[in-house]
Amino acid sequence: MAADARSTAETYLGGMRTSVWPVLQRYWFDALVILAAIGGVLELVLNRDDPDAPTVPLAASIPIEAGLTLMLLGRRRFPFAAPAGMILAGAALSFWDGQLMTFTFASFIAAIAATFLLGMLEDRRQAVIGLLVAMGGILIVVGNDLVHQTGDYFFTPLLFAAVWLAGFGLGHKLEQASAAEERARRLELEREAEARAAVSEERARIARELHDVVGHAVSVMTVQASGVRRLLEPSQEREREALLAVEQTGREALAEMRRLVGVLRRPEEAPARAPQPSLRHLDRLVDQAREAGLPVEVRIEGEAAELPPGVDLTAYRLVQEALTNAIKHARATSADVLVRYGDGAVELVVTDDGRGASDGKAESGGHGLAGMRERVAVYGGELEAGPRPEGGYSLRARLPLA
């Protein structure tokens, strides 16, 4: 029972945080403005018999007090006009009654807030004009105050100038933070777009390569069906028709595959003529890495099995990409390649002593890791890649043969 009650309370508080907190963040200043307006009105009403109270009738001073403070609620739509208008209106009304603007503490706080808002303006020219407006308005109000002292002409503007400077500095910091946040958001969107484009390109490349693998298999099936059909006896008409259907289906499938790959291939890209690489060409790949200055050691564990063409091609591409990253991005001085056969799968482990992908090169440059994940996912395999505790980088992939 207690646990249920605690869970209900946590759920309620969590809902309150998600629903109330954004509202408080946005409207807390407006709430303070309204409270200041109410406080100023109460101060006028409670102290209306004070000798320093405004001579303006209470029926007029109350809406004036509240209206001037509430002008700050328009700061979002009128960031300059609302605070500057409040100060100028207060200065003008001080000619009617010098005590009207200086009697309540709420009016003083509202004037401070208006000056601070003028300092925070994003337009720096408007902020400087706001300072001049604030200084001029404050000097007029001080001059019309019947109980002012000589020092008020110096200390009061100095106080408001300090408030304006605080707002100016904070506004500059907020502007820098907003610009940095916008740059980070834009870069994140660009990275996501580049990653999506890289994944799409890698998928198209995989499809083009698999076309050759599957196309070869379908071609063999079609040729074999044609050969068997020609060996049939004249009396085997039903068998001949079945094999002829196999041939026609195979040729139609090849034609459709060529059209599909033609859509995926870029206009400047010529069709592949060379056979697709496989782990049988691993020695050639390792020799190329050594010629590029990376010593590579190769180990084969288990009895080498005949791999399905697609799996064989994927395994080769994984090793190729791992060694390329070790040379170009990780700046490794040595690498090891392990090919392990067994348990109905082929496992590939490529390690190096370089900096790995922590610098973001493998992802941000060629998005090689994303491409490798796409290849492994096609065959339901597993891929693990990351820095090693002892230093360097490791890539491990397991591709099922079934």
Foldseek 3Di string as FASTA:
>chain_A
DVVVVVVVVVVVVVVCCVPVVVVCVVCVVVVVLQVLLVQQLVLCVVCVVPPLRWPPDNVPLSCLSNVLSNLVVCCVVVVLCSLLVSLVVQLVCCVVTLSSQPVDPSSVVSNLVSLLSLLLDPPNVSSVVSLVSSLVSQQSSLVSRPPHDPCCNPVVNVVSVVSSVVSNVVSVVVVVVVVVVVVVVVVVVVLVVVLVVLLLLLVLVLLLLVLLQVLVVLVVLLVVLVVVLVVDDPVPVVSNVVSVVSNVVSVVVNVVSVVVNVVSDDPVDDRDDDRQDFVVCVVVLQVVLVVLQEAEAEEEADDDDDFRPLLRNLVSVVVNLVSVCCVPPFVFNYKYWYWYDDPQKIKIKIWTQGQFCPVVCCCRPNNVVSSSVVSQVVQPKDWDKDADPVHTIMIMIIGGRD
